[in-house]
């Protein structure tokens, strides 16, 4: 009995289509499981944020004399020193000069101001703590502000892999000294470098700058015409 090759080919295609359908149906539970995992993850994060916010609210209640302000970004802050005269605040394209210190909610210093040293920050152009990125833009010159950041505004679920733990809310005190446009800052740094060059040149050629002494010619004696 001869087998028709066309029939064999049709049977082969039928088996392939059936196999593909089985594979597709087998993936459905995985997709459903993935969606369920994401939903649980979101709920877990909401509980985590709510728990951190409760800790921050407890801290604020323990300091009734301090006036805390709620930010629309999900953090709180208070003024240690407020500048009520100036109206300008840093914006993108500015360079900010500030100091800061990081503590936990119990007031224990994690990073001191001395360790962190004076900071020069190009607004919205450098990668810094999310809370600071927004908080600095709310400040005026010569102000000191204490920010209370939930972990998602700080270093998040991984911490900084050094002293800041996972999901750790932070109290960050910031002293903003000054800010100016990048263009102005660039001009100032270029101007400051010019005197140093001139000084080197003058030091290496001191004789050029030395004043010339005025010489008075000696009186001419009359020639003796007698022999």
N, C-alpha and C. Protein backbone atom coordinates (compact mmCIF):
# COMPACT_ATOMS: atom_id res chain seq x y z
N UNK A 1 0.85 -1.20 0.00
CA UNK A 1 0.00 0.00 0.00
C UNK A 1 0.89 1.25 0.00
N UNK A 2 0.64 2.10 -0.96
CA UNK A 2 1.42 3.33 -1.07
C UNK A 2 0.78 4.43 -0.22
N UNK A 3 1.68 5.20 0.45
CA UNK A 3 1.22 6.33 1.28
C UNK A 3 1.32 7.62 0.48
N UNK A 4 0.23 8.30 0.39
CA UNK A 4 0.20 9.55 -0.36
C UNK A 4 0.99 10.62 0.39
N UNK A 5 2.04 11.20 -0.23
CA UNK A 5 2.86 12.22 0.46
C UNK A 5 2.07 13.47 0.82
N UNK A 6 1.06 13.79 0.08
CA UNK A 6 0.25 14.98 0.41
C UNK A 6 -0.48 14.78 1.72
N UNK A 7 -1.02 13.55 1.91
CA UNK A 7 -1.72 13.23 3.16
C UNK A 7 -0.77 13.33 4.34
N UNK A 8 0.46 12.80 4.15
CA UNK A 8 1.46 12.85 5.22
C UNK A 8 1.77 14.30 5.58
N UNK A 9 1.89 15.16 4.59
CA UNK A 9 2.21 16.57 4.83
C UNK A 9 1.09 17.28 5.60
N UNK A 10 -0.17 16.94 5.23
CA UNK A 10 -1.32 17.54 5.91
C UNK A 10 -1.37 17.10 7.37
N UNK A 11 -1.11 15.79 7.59
CA UNK A 11 -1.09 15.28 8.97
C UNK A 11 0.00 15.98 9.79
N UNK A 12 1.15 16.23 9.18
CA UNK A 12 2.28 16.89 9.86
C UNK A 12 1.90 18.31 10.27
N UNK A 13 1.23 19.05 9.36
CA UNK A 13 0.80 20.41 9.67
C UNK A 13 -0.21 20.43 10.80
N UNK A 14 -1.13 19.43 10.77
CA UNK A 14 -2.16 19.34 11.81
C UNK A 14 -1.53 19.15 13.18
N UNK A 15 -0.53 18.26 13.24
CA UNK A 15 0.16 18.00 14.51
C UNK A 15 0.91 19.24 15.01
N UNK A 16 1.49 20.00 14.09
CA UNK A 16 2.24 21.20 14.47
C UNK A 16 1.31 22.26 15.04
N UNK A 17 0.16 22.49 14.39
CA UNK A 17 -0.81 23.47 14.87
C UNK A 17 -1.34 23.08 16.24
N UNK A 18 -1.63 21.80 16.41
CA UNK A 18 -2.14 21.30 17.69
C UNK A 18 -1.12 21.50 18.79
N UNK A 19 0.15 21.25 18.46
CA UNK A 19 1.21 21.41 19.45
C UNK A 19 1.35 22.86 19.87
N UNK A 20 1.26 23.79 18.91
CA UNK A 20 1.37 25.22 19.20
C UNK A 20 0.25 25.68 20.12
N UNK A 21 -0.97 25.19 19.86
CA UNK A 21 -2.10 25.56 20.71
C UNK A 21 -1.91 25.09 22.13
N UNK A 22 -1.36 23.87 22.28
CA UNK A 22 -1.12 23.34 23.62
C UNK A 22 -0.11 24.19 24.37
N UNK A 23 0.94 24.64 23.66
CA UNK A 23 1.96 25.48 24.30
C UNK A 23 1.37 26.82 24.71
N UNK A 24 0.52 27.39 23.84
CA UNK A 24 -0.09 28.67 24.16
C UNK A 24 -1.00 28.56 25.37
N UNK A 25 -1.77 27.50 25.46
CA UNK A 25 -2.67 27.31 26.59
C UNK A 25 -1.89 27.09 27.88
N UNK A 26 -0.71 26.50 27.77
CA UNK A 26 0.08 26.22 28.96
C UNK A 26 0.67 27.49 29.55
N UNK A 27 0.75 28.56 28.77
CA UNK A 27 1.34 29.80 29.27
C UNK A 27 0.34 30.65 30.06
N UNK A 28 -0.92 30.39 29.93
CA UNK A 28 -1.92 31.23 30.59
C UNK A 28 -1.76 31.28 32.11
N UNK A 29 -1.58 30.15 32.80
CA UNK A 29 -1.40 30.22 34.25
C UNK A 29 -0.20 31.06 34.66
N UNK A 30 0.89 31.06 33.85
CA UNK A 30 2.06 31.86 34.16
C UNK A 30 1.72 33.34 34.14
N UNK A 31 0.95 33.76 33.12
CA UNK A 31 0.55 35.15 33.01
C UNK A 31 -0.32 35.56 34.19
N UNK A 32 -1.24 34.69 34.57
CA UNK A 32 -2.11 34.97 35.70
C UNK A 32 -1.31 35.03 36.99
N UNK A 33 -0.32 34.14 37.12
CA UNK A 33 0.53 34.13 38.31
C UNK A 33 1.34 35.40 38.40
N UNK A 34 1.86 35.87 37.26
CA UNK A 34 2.64 37.10 37.22
C UNK A 34 1.81 38.29 37.65
N UNK A 35 0.58 38.38 37.17
CA UNK A 35 -0.31 39.47 37.55
C UNK A 35 -0.63 39.44 39.03
N UNK A 36 -0.83 38.25 39.57
CA UNK A 36 -1.10 38.10 40.99
C UNK A 36 0.09 38.54 41.83
N UNK A 37 1.29 38.22 41.35
CA UNK A 37 2.52 38.60 42.06
C UNK A 37 2.67 40.11 42.10
N UNK A 38 2.40 40.77 40.97
CA UNK A 38 2.51 42.22 40.90
C UNK A 38 1.51 42.89 41.84
N UNK A 39 0.31 42.34 41.89
CA UNK A 39 -0.72 42.90 42.76
C UNK A 39 -0.31 42.80 44.22
N UNK A 40 0.24 41.65 44.60
CA UNK A 40 0.70 41.47 45.98
C UNK A 40 1.87 42.39 46.29
N UNK A 41 2.74 42.58 45.30
CA UNK A 41 3.90 43.46 45.49
C UNK A 41 3.47 44.91 45.73
N UNK A 42 2.47 45.38 44.96
CA UNK A 42 1.96 46.73 45.13
C UNK A 42 1.35 46.90 46.52
N UNK A 43 0.56 45.91 46.94
CA UNK A 43 -0.07 45.98 48.26
C UNK A 43 0.98 45.99 49.37
N UNK A 44 2.03 45.21 49.18
CA UNK A 44 3.10 45.15 50.18
C UNK A 44 3.82 46.50 50.27
N UNK A 45 4.05 47.13 49.13
CA UNK A 45 4.71 48.44 49.12
C UNK A 45 3.85 49.51 49.77
N UNK A 46 2.54 49.45 49.54
CA UNK A 46 1.64 50.41 50.17
C UNK A 46 1.68 50.29 51.69
N UNK A 47 1.71 49.06 52.19
CA UNK A 47 1.79 48.84 53.63
C UNK A 47 3.11 49.35 54.18
N UNK A 48 4.17 49.14 53.41
CA UNK A 48 5.50 49.59 53.83
C UNK A 48 5.54 51.11 53.94
N UNK A 49 5.03 51.79 52.92
CA UNK A 49 5.01 53.26 52.92
C UNK A 49 4.15 53.78 54.06
N UNK A 50 2.99 53.15 54.27
CA UNK A 50 2.09 53.58 55.34
C UNK A 50 2.77 53.42 56.70
N UNK A 51 3.52 52.32 56.88
CA UNK A 51 4.23 52.09 58.13
C UNK A 51 5.31 53.14 58.37
N UNK A 52 6.03 53.51 57.32
CA UNK A 52 7.08 54.53 57.45
C UNK A 52 6.45 55.90 57.74
N UNK A 53 5.34 56.19 57.09
CA UNK A 53 4.68 57.46 57.33
C UNK A 53 4.16 57.55 58.77
N UNK A 54 3.73 56.43 59.32
CA UNK A 54 3.29 56.42 60.71
C UNK A 54 4.45 56.75 61.64
N UNK A 55 5.65 56.22 61.34
CA UNK A 55 6.83 56.52 62.16
C UNK A 55 7.17 58.01 62.09
N UNK A 56 7.06 58.58 60.89
CA UNK A 56 7.37 60.01 60.72
C UNK A 56 6.33 60.86 61.45
N UNK A 57 5.06 60.49 61.36
CA UNK A 57 4.00 61.24 62.04
C UNK A 57 4.17 61.15 63.57
N UNK A 58 4.63 60.00 64.04
CA UNK A 58 4.89 59.83 65.47
C UNK A 58 6.01 60.77 65.91
N UNK A 59 7.05 60.89 65.07
CA UNK A 59 8.15 61.80 65.37
C UNK A 59 7.66 63.24 65.42
N UNK A 60 6.83 63.63 64.47
CA UNK A 60 6.33 65.00 64.43
C UNK A 60 5.46 65.31 65.65
N UNK A 61 4.66 64.33 66.08
CA UNK A 61 3.82 64.53 67.26
C UNK A 61 4.65 64.70 68.52
N UNK A 62 5.84 64.09 68.52
CA UNK A 62 6.71 64.20 69.69
C UNK A 62 7.43 65.54 69.75
N UNK A 63 7.30 66.34 68.69
CA UNK A 63 7.89 67.68 68.64
C UNK A 63 6.81 68.71 68.34
N UNK A 64 5.91 68.96 69.28
CA UNK A 64 4.76 69.85 69.02
C UNK A 64 5.15 71.30 68.76
N UNK A 65 6.35 71.70 69.18
CA UNK A 65 6.78 73.08 68.98
C UNK A 65 7.33 73.34 67.57
N UNK A 66 7.53 72.27 66.82
CA UNK A 66 8.07 72.40 65.46
C UNK A 66 6.93 72.40 64.46
N UNK A 67 6.96 73.36 63.55
CA UNK A 67 5.92 73.47 62.52
C UNK A 67 6.35 72.69 61.28
N UNK A 68 5.78 71.52 61.07
CA UNK A 68 6.11 70.68 59.92
C UNK A 68 5.16 70.97 58.76
N UNK A 69 5.72 70.96 57.57
CA UNK A 69 4.94 71.22 56.36
C UNK A 69 4.93 69.95 55.51
N UNK A 70 3.75 69.57 55.03
CA UNK A 70 3.63 68.38 54.19
C UNK A 70 3.86 68.75 52.73
N UNK A 71 4.76 68.03 52.07
CA UNK A 71 5.01 68.26 50.65
C UNK A 71 4.08 67.40 49.81
N UNK A 72 3.77 67.89 48.64
CA UNK A 72 2.92 67.12 47.72
C UNK A 72 3.65 65.90 47.17
N UNK A 73 4.98 65.85 47.37
CA UNK A 73 5.79 64.74 46.88
C UNK A 73 5.86 63.57 47.86
N UNK A 74 5.28 63.74 49.03
CA UNK A 74 5.25 62.63 49.97
C UNK A 74 6.29 62.68 51.06
N UNK A 75 6.77 63.87 51.41
CA UNK A 75 7.69 64.02 52.53
C UNK A 75 7.29 65.25 53.34
N UNK A 76 7.93 65.45 54.50
CA UNK A 76 7.65 66.57 55.37
C UNK A 76 8.93 67.37 55.61
N UNK A 77 8.77 68.64 55.97
CA UNK A 77 9.96 69.44 56.26
C UNK A 77 9.62 70.57 57.23
N UNK A 78 10.66 71.07 57.92
CA UNK A 78 10.51 72.18 58.85
C UNK A 78 11.71 73.11 58.71
N UNK A 79 11.51 74.39 59.07
CA UNK A 79 12.58 75.38 58.95
C UNK A 79 13.34 75.50 60.27
N UNK A 80 14.66 75.34 60.19
CA UNK A 80 15.52 75.68 61.31
C UNK A 80 15.92 77.15 61.20
N UNK A 81 16.18 77.61 59.98
CA UNK A 81 16.43 79.01 59.67
C UNK A 81 15.68 79.34 58.39
N UNK A 82 14.82 80.36 58.44
CA UNK A 82 14.00 80.70 57.28
C UNK A 82 14.35 82.08 56.75
N UNK A 83 14.45 82.19 55.45
CA UNK A 83 14.70 83.46 54.78
C UNK A 83 13.37 83.95 54.20
N UNK A 84 12.79 84.97 54.83
CA UNK A 84 11.49 85.47 54.40
C UNK A 84 11.60 86.67 53.47
N UNK A 85 12.83 87.01 53.08
CA UNK A 85 13.05 88.17 52.22
C UNK A 85 13.14 87.76 50.74
N UNK A 86 14.02 86.81 50.46
CA UNK A 86 14.22 86.38 49.08
C UNK A 86 13.04 85.56 48.58
N UNK A 87 12.81 85.65 47.30
CA UNK A 87 11.71 84.90 46.68
C UNK A 87 12.21 83.85 45.69
N UNK A 88 13.46 83.99 45.23
CA UNK A 88 13.99 83.07 44.23
C UNK A 88 14.40 81.74 44.85
N UNK A 89 14.18 80.67 44.12
CA UNK A 89 14.60 79.33 44.53
C UNK A 89 15.36 78.69 43.37
N UNK A 90 16.21 77.71 43.66
CA UNK A 90 16.98 77.07 42.59
C UNK A 90 16.09 76.40 41.56
N UNK A 91 16.57 76.41 40.33
CA UNK A 91 15.84 75.76 39.23
C UNK A 91 16.86 75.07 38.32
N UNK A 92 16.36 74.33 37.38
CA UNK A 92 17.24 73.65 36.42
C UNK A 92 18.07 74.68 35.67
N UNK A 93 19.39 74.43 35.60
CA UNK A 93 20.30 75.38 34.98
C UNK A 93 21.09 76.17 36.01
N UNK A 94 20.77 75.96 37.31
CA UNK A 94 21.49 76.63 38.39
C UNK A 94 22.50 75.68 39.03
N UNK A 95 23.47 76.28 39.71
CA UNK A 95 24.43 75.52 40.51
C UNK A 95 24.19 75.89 41.97
N UNK A 96 24.03 74.89 42.83
CA UNK A 96 23.69 75.11 44.24
C UNK A 96 24.87 74.73 45.13
N UNK A 97 25.09 75.55 46.16
CA UNK A 97 26.16 75.29 47.13
C UNK A 97 25.51 75.05 48.49
N UNK A 98 25.68 73.85 49.03
CA UNK A 98 24.99 73.51 50.28
C UNK A 98 25.79 72.50 51.10
N UNK A 99 25.40 72.39 52.38
CA UNK A 99 25.89 71.36 53.28
C UNK A 99 24.69 70.55 53.76
N UNK A 100 24.92 69.30 54.14
CA UNK A 100 23.82 68.53 54.71
C UNK A 100 24.31 67.43 55.62
N UNK A 101 23.39 66.92 56.43
CA UNK A 101 23.68 65.87 57.41
C UNK A 101 22.52 64.89 57.40
N UNK A 102 22.83 63.61 57.53
CA UNK A 102 21.80 62.57 57.47
C UNK A 102 21.70 61.86 58.82
N UNK A 103 20.47 61.77 59.34
CA UNK A 103 20.20 61.07 60.60
C UNK A 103 19.08 60.05 60.40
N UNK A 104 18.96 59.12 61.36
CA UNK A 104 17.78 58.26 61.36
C UNK A 104 16.69 58.99 62.15
N UNK A 105 15.50 58.42 62.23
CA UNK A 105 14.40 59.10 62.89
C UNK A 105 14.57 59.22 64.40
N UNK A 106 15.51 58.46 64.97
CA UNK A 106 15.81 58.57 66.40
C UNK A 106 16.81 59.69 66.69
N UNK A 107 17.34 60.32 65.64
CA UNK A 107 18.28 61.41 65.82
C UNK A 107 19.73 61.00 65.80
N UNK A 108 20.00 59.73 65.54
CA UNK A 108 21.38 59.26 65.47
C UNK A 108 22.00 59.64 64.13
N UNK A 109 23.18 60.26 64.18
CA UNK A 109 23.84 60.70 62.94
C UNK A 109 24.34 59.49 62.15
N UNK A 110 23.96 59.44 60.89
CA UNK A 110 24.44 58.39 59.98
C UNK A 110 25.64 58.92 59.20
N UNK A 111 25.48 60.11 58.62
CA UNK A 111 26.58 60.80 57.94
C UNK A 111 26.61 62.23 58.44
N UNK A 112 27.75 62.67 59.00
CA UNK A 112 27.86 64.03 59.51
C UNK A 112 28.10 65.02 58.38
N UNK A 113 27.89 66.28 58.68
CA UNK A 113 28.13 67.34 57.70
C UNK A 113 29.61 67.37 57.31
N UNK A 114 30.48 67.11 58.27
CA UNK A 114 31.91 67.11 58.00
C UNK A 114 32.28 66.01 57.02
N UNK A 115 31.66 64.83 57.17
CA UNK A 115 31.95 63.72 56.27
C UNK A 115 31.47 64.00 54.85
N UNK A 116 30.30 64.61 54.74
CA UNK A 116 29.70 64.83 53.43
C UNK A 116 30.32 66.04 52.72
N UNK A 117 30.90 66.95 53.51
CA UNK A 117 31.62 68.11 52.96
C UNK A 117 30.69 69.02 52.17
N UNK A 118 31.15 70.24 51.88
CA UNK A 118 30.31 71.14 51.07
C UNK A 118 30.00 70.54 49.70
N UNK A 119 28.77 70.70 49.29
CA UNK A 119 28.31 70.11 48.04
C UNK A 119 28.12 71.18 46.97
N UNK A 120 28.49 70.86 45.75
CA UNK A 120 28.19 71.68 44.58
C UNK A 120 27.32 70.83 43.67
N UNK A 121 26.09 71.27 43.46
CA UNK A 121 25.10 70.45 42.77
C UNK A 121 24.51 71.20 41.58
N UNK A 122 24.55 70.58 40.41
CA UNK A 122 23.92 71.11 39.20
C UNK A 122 22.47 70.62 39.18
N UNK A 123 21.54 71.54 39.37
CA UNK A 123 20.13 71.19 39.59
C UNK A 123 19.56 70.37 38.44
N UNK A 124 18.99 69.22 38.81
CA UNK A 124 18.32 68.30 37.88
C UNK A 124 19.26 67.72 36.83
N UNK A 125 20.56 67.84 37.04
CA UNK A 125 21.50 67.28 36.08
C UNK A 125 22.45 66.26 36.72
N UNK A 126 22.26 66.02 38.01
CA UNK A 126 23.09 65.05 38.71
C UNK A 126 22.21 64.09 39.49
N UNK A 127 22.73 62.89 39.73
CA UNK A 127 21.97 61.84 40.39
C UNK A 127 22.17 61.95 41.91
N UNK A 128 21.18 62.52 42.61
CA UNK A 128 21.23 62.60 44.06
C UNK A 128 19.95 62.00 44.63
N UNK A 129 19.87 61.94 45.95
CA UNK A 129 18.68 61.42 46.62
C UNK A 129 17.42 62.10 46.09
N UNK A 130 16.40 61.32 45.79
CA UNK A 130 15.18 61.87 45.18
C UNK A 130 14.57 62.98 46.02
N UNK A 131 14.54 62.79 47.33
CA UNK A 131 13.97 63.81 48.20
C UNK A 131 14.74 65.11 48.15
N UNK A 132 16.07 65.02 48.15
CA UNK A 132 16.90 66.23 48.06
C UNK A 132 16.72 66.91 46.72
N UNK A 133 16.58 66.13 45.68
CA UNK A 133 16.41 66.67 44.33
C UNK A 133 15.22 67.63 44.28
N UNK A 134 14.15 67.27 44.98
CA UNK A 134 12.96 68.12 45.01
C UNK A 134 13.06 69.16 46.11
N UNK A 135 13.54 68.76 47.29
CA UNK A 135 13.56 69.65 48.45
C UNK A 135 14.41 70.88 48.25
N UNK A 136 15.57 70.73 47.62
CA UNK A 136 16.47 71.87 47.40
C UNK A 136 15.80 72.94 46.57
N UNK A 137 14.93 72.54 45.64
CA UNK A 137 14.26 73.50 44.78
C UNK A 137 13.16 74.28 45.51
N UNK A 138 12.90 73.93 46.77
CA UNK A 138 11.93 74.67 47.58
C UNK A 138 12.61 75.69 48.48
N UNK A 139 13.93 75.70 48.51
CA UNK A 139 14.66 76.51 49.48
C UNK A 139 15.14 77.85 48.91
N UNK A 140 15.36 78.81 49.81
CA UNK A 140 15.96 80.09 49.47
C UNK A 140 17.39 80.13 50.01
N UNK A 141 18.14 81.14 49.59
CA UNK A 141 19.51 81.30 50.08
C UNK A 141 19.51 81.47 51.60
N UNK A 142 20.56 80.96 52.23
CA UNK A 142 20.79 81.12 53.67
C UNK A 142 19.67 80.51 54.53
N UNK A 143 19.04 79.48 54.02
CA UNK A 143 18.05 78.75 54.81
C UNK A 143 18.60 77.40 55.25
N UNK A 144 18.11 76.95 56.42
CA UNK A 144 18.41 75.60 56.87
C UNK A 144 17.08 74.88 57.10
N UNK A 145 16.92 73.75 56.45
CA UNK A 145 15.67 73.00 56.48
C UNK A 145 15.94 71.55 56.86
N UNK A 146 15.08 70.98 57.69
CA UNK A 146 15.16 69.56 58.02
C UNK A 146 14.04 68.82 57.29
N UNK A 147 14.42 67.86 56.47
CA UNK A 147 13.47 67.07 55.69
C UNK A 147 13.28 65.70 56.34
N UNK A 148 12.06 65.21 56.34
CA UNK A 148 11.74 63.85 56.80
C UNK A 148 11.31 63.05 55.58
N UNK A 149 12.17 62.14 55.16
CA UNK A 149 11.93 61.39 53.93
C UNK A 149 11.58 59.93 54.21
N UNK A 150 10.44 59.43 53.69
CA UNK A 150 10.23 57.98 53.67
C UNK A 150 11.30 57.35 52.78
N UNK A 151 11.49 56.05 52.90
CA UNK A 151 12.60 55.40 52.19
C UNK A 151 12.52 55.55 50.68
N UNK A 152 11.29 55.62 50.14
CA UNK A 152 11.18 55.72 48.68
C UNK A 152 11.64 57.09 48.17
N UNK A 153 11.78 58.08 49.09
CA UNK A 153 12.34 59.38 48.72
C UNK A 153 13.82 59.46 49.10
N UNK A 154 14.31 58.37 49.70
CA UNK A 154 15.71 58.32 50.10
C UNK A 154 16.50 57.31 49.29
N UNK A 155 16.85 56.19 49.94
CA UNK A 155 17.67 55.17 49.26
C UNK A 155 16.91 53.87 49.01
N UNK A 156 15.60 53.89 49.26
CA UNK A 156 14.75 52.78 48.84
C UNK A 156 15.04 51.44 49.50
N UNK A 157 14.69 50.39 48.78
CA UNK A 157 14.74 49.04 49.34
C UNK A 157 16.16 48.48 49.42
N UNK A 158 17.14 49.13 48.80
CA UNK A 158 18.51 48.60 48.83
C UNK A 158 19.43 49.38 49.75
N UNK A 159 18.98 50.55 50.27
CA UNK A 159 19.86 51.37 51.10
C UNK A 159 21.01 51.91 50.28
N UNK A 160 22.10 52.29 50.95
CA UNK A 160 23.27 52.77 50.21
C UNK A 160 24.41 51.75 50.25
N UNK A 161 24.09 50.54 50.72
CA UNK A 161 25.07 49.45 50.82
C UNK A 161 26.21 49.77 51.79
N UNK A 162 26.00 50.78 52.64
CA UNK A 162 27.00 51.14 53.65
C UNK A 162 26.33 51.30 55.01
N UNK A 163 25.89 52.50 55.33
CA UNK A 163 25.32 52.76 56.65
C UNK A 163 23.80 52.90 56.64
N UNK A 164 23.23 53.21 55.49
CA UNK A 164 21.78 53.37 55.40
C UNK A 164 21.16 52.03 55.05
N UNK A 165 20.27 51.58 55.91
CA UNK A 165 19.69 50.25 55.72
C UNK A 165 18.58 50.23 54.68
N UNK A 166 18.07 49.03 54.44
CA UNK A 166 16.99 48.87 53.46
C UNK A 166 15.70 49.47 54.02
N UNK A 167 14.95 50.14 53.16
CA UNK A 167 13.66 50.74 53.53
C UNK A 167 13.77 51.59 54.79
N UNK A 168 14.79 52.43 54.86
CA UNK A 168 15.02 53.25 56.05
C UNK A 168 14.62 54.71 55.82
N UNK A 169 13.62 55.21 56.56
CA UNK A 169 13.28 56.63 56.47
C UNK A 169 14.39 57.47 57.08
N UNK A 170 14.53 58.71 56.63
CA UNK A 170 15.67 59.52 57.02
C UNK A 170 15.24 60.94 57.41
N UNK A 171 16.04 61.55 58.30
CA UNK A 171 15.92 62.97 58.62
C UNK A 171 17.17 63.64 58.07
N UNK A 172 16.99 64.55 57.13
CA UNK A 172 18.12 65.18 56.44
C UNK A 172 18.07 66.69 56.64
N UNK A 173 19.12 67.25 57.27
CA UNK A 173 19.20 68.70 57.49
C UNK A 173 20.07 69.32 56.41
N UNK A 174 19.53 70.33 55.72
CA UNK A 174 20.21 70.96 54.58
C UNK A 174 20.39 72.45 54.85
N UNK A 175 21.62 72.94 54.68
CA UNK A 175 21.91 74.37 54.75
C UNK A 175 22.27 74.85 53.34
N UNK A 176 21.40 75.67 52.75
CA UNK A 176 21.64 76.17 51.40
C UNK A 176 22.32 77.54 51.50
N UNK A 177 23.56 77.61 51.05
CA UNK A 177 24.34 78.84 51.19
C UNK A 177 24.11 79.80 50.02
N UNK A 178 24.08 79.28 48.82
CA UNK A 178 23.97 80.15 47.66
C UNK A 178 23.62 79.32 46.43
N UNK A 179 23.16 79.98 45.39
CA UNK A 179 22.99 79.34 44.09
C UNK A 179 23.08 80.41 43.01
N UNK A 180 23.51 79.99 41.84
CA UNK A 180 23.67 80.92 40.71
C UNK A 180 23.56 80.13 39.42
N UNK A 181 23.43 80.83 38.31
CA UNK A 181 23.30 80.17 37.02
C UNK A 181 24.63 79.50 36.65
N UNK A 182 24.53 78.45 35.86
CA UNK A 182 25.74 77.76 35.42
C UNK A 182 26.66 78.70 34.66
N UNK A 183 26.08 79.60 33.86
CA UNK A 183 26.87 80.54 33.07
C UNK A 183 27.66 81.47 33.98
N UNK A 184 27.00 81.99 35.03
CA UNK A 184 27.68 82.88 35.97
C UNK A 184 28.77 82.14 36.73
N UNK A 185 28.46 80.92 37.15
CA UNK A 185 29.45 80.11 37.88
C UNK A 185 30.67 79.82 37.02
N UNK A 186 30.45 79.53 35.75
CA UNK A 186 31.55 79.25 34.84
C UNK A 186 32.43 80.47 34.65
N UNK A 187 31.81 81.64 34.51
CA UNK A 187 32.58 82.87 34.34
C UNK A 187 33.43 83.16 35.57
N UNK A 188 32.85 82.93 36.75
CA UNK A 188 33.58 83.20 37.99
C UNK A 188 34.78 82.27 38.15
N UNK A 189 34.60 81.01 37.82
CA UNK A 189 35.72 80.07 37.95
C UNK A 189 36.81 80.39 36.94
N UNK A 190 36.43 80.85 35.76
CA UNK A 190 37.43 81.22 34.76
C UNK A 190 38.18 82.48 35.19
N UNK A 191 37.47 83.45 35.77
CA UNK A 191 38.08 84.69 36.22
C UNK A 191 39.07 84.44 37.36
N UNK A 192 38.70 83.54 38.27
CA UNK A 192 39.57 83.24 39.40
C UNK A 192 40.88 82.60 38.97
N UNK A 193 40.89 81.94 37.83
CA UNK A 193 42.10 81.25 37.38
C UNK A 193 43.08 82.21 36.71
N UNK A 194 42.66 83.41 36.29
CA UNK A 194 43.54 84.34 35.58
C UNK A 194 44.62 84.93 36.47
N UNK A 195 44.34 85.45 37.70
CA UNK A 195 45.39 86.01 38.53
C UNK A 195 46.51 85.04 38.85
N UNK A 196 46.18 83.78 39.00
CA UNK A 196 47.19 82.78 39.31
C UNK A 196 48.20 82.67 38.17
N UNK A 197 47.75 82.76 36.93
CA UNK A 197 48.64 82.70 35.78
C UNK A 197 49.54 83.92 35.74
N UNK A 198 48.96 85.11 35.99
CA UNK A 198 49.75 86.33 35.98
C UNK A 198 50.82 86.31 37.06
N UNK A 199 50.48 85.76 38.21
CA UNK A 199 51.42 85.72 39.32
C UNK A 199 52.63 84.87 38.99
N UNK A 200 52.38 83.75 38.33
CA UNK A 200 53.47 82.87 37.94
C UNK A 200 54.39 83.58 36.96
N UNK A 201 53.82 84.30 36.02
CA UNK A 201 54.63 85.00 35.02
C UNK A 201 55.47 86.08 35.68
N UNK A 202 54.88 86.86 36.59
CA UNK A 202 55.61 87.95 37.23
C UNK A 202 56.70 87.42 38.15
N UNK A 203 56.43 86.25 38.78
CA UNK A 203 57.44 85.68 39.66
C UNK A 203 58.64 85.18 38.89
N UNK A 204 58.41 84.71 37.68
CA UNK A 204 59.52 84.14 36.90
C UNK A 204 60.30 85.22 36.17
N UNK A 205 59.73 86.43 36.09
CA UNK A 205 60.46 87.52 35.42
C UNK A 205 60.44 88.78 36.29
N UNK A 206 61.07 88.70 37.48
CA UNK A 206 61.00 89.84 38.39
C UNK A 206 61.74 91.07 37.88
N UNK A 207 62.76 90.89 37.06
CA UNK A 207 63.57 92.02 36.62
C UNK A 207 62.79 92.92 35.67
N UNK A 208 61.83 92.36 34.97
CA UNK A 208 61.06 93.16 34.01
C UNK A 208 60.23 94.20 34.75
N UNK A 209 59.70 93.81 35.89
CA UNK A 209 58.81 94.71 36.64
C UNK A 209 59.58 95.68 37.52
N UNK A 210 60.92 95.51 37.69
CA UNK A 210 61.69 96.37 38.59
C UNK A 210 61.80 97.78 38.01
N UNK A 211 61.62 98.82 38.82
CA UNK A 211 61.69 100.20 38.31
C UNK A 211 63.12 100.56 37.91
N UNK A 212 63.26 101.38 36.85
CA UNK A 212 64.58 101.81 36.38
C UNK A 212 65.07 102.99 37.20
N UNK A 213 66.33 102.96 37.58
CA UNK A 213 66.92 104.06 38.34
C UNK A 213 67.35 105.18 37.39
N UNK A 214 67.06 106.41 37.75
CA UNK A 214 67.43 107.55 36.93
C UNK A 214 68.89 107.91 37.21
N UNK A 215 69.70 107.97 36.17
CA UNK A 215 71.12 108.27 36.33
C UNK A 215 71.37 109.72 35.94
N UNK A 216 72.15 110.42 36.77
CA UNK A 216 72.49 111.83 36.51
C UNK A 216 73.89 111.89 35.91
N UNK A 217 74.04 112.42 34.70
CA UNK A 217 75.37 112.46 34.06
C UNK A 217 76.33 113.36 34.84
N UNK A 218 77.60 112.95 34.87
CA UNK A 218 78.63 113.73 35.57
C UNK A 218 78.90 115.01 34.79
N UNK A 219 79.25 116.10 35.51
CA UNK A 219 79.51 117.38 34.82
C UNK A 219 80.73 117.28 33.90
N UNK A 220 80.62 117.91 32.75
CA UNK A 220 81.72 117.87 31.77
C UNK A 220 82.77 118.92 32.14
N UNK A 221 84.02 118.51 32.28
CA UNK A 221 85.08 119.43 32.59
C UNK A 221 85.53 120.15 31.32
N UNK A 222 85.80 121.50 31.44
CA UNK A 222 86.27 122.23 30.24
C UNK A 222 87.68 121.79 29.85
N UNK A 223 87.88 121.67 28.58
CA UNK A 223 89.19 121.24 28.09
C UNK A 223 90.21 122.36 28.24
N UNK A 224 91.41 121.97 28.62
CA UNK A 224 92.51 122.92 28.75
C UNK A 224 93.07 123.20 27.37
N UNK A 225 92.92 124.47 26.88
CA UNK A 225 93.38 124.80 25.52
C UNK A 225 94.82 125.25 25.48
N UNK A 226 95.40 125.49 26.69
CA UNK A 226 96.82 125.91 26.71
C UNK A 226 97.70 124.71 26.65
N UNK A 227 98.78 124.83 25.86
CA UNK A 227 99.75 123.77 25.74
C UNK A 227 100.95 124.14 26.59
